């Protein structure tokens, strides 16, 4: 596994976990906080998952 593959995989896992933590935070606060706590990490997770999949295809 190349270094960039490993980096993309680790970052996608981190941002996926942050997405779920943000969702729990929004639910605990009954939706009164900004939904961006969930949406922004989700966008980054999707970007890094896409980069990881494309880097794996190039091999």
Foldseek 3Di string as FASTA:
>chain_A
DDPLLVVLVVLLVVLVVQLVVLVVVCVVVVNPDDSCSNVVSVVVSVVSVVVNVVVVVVD
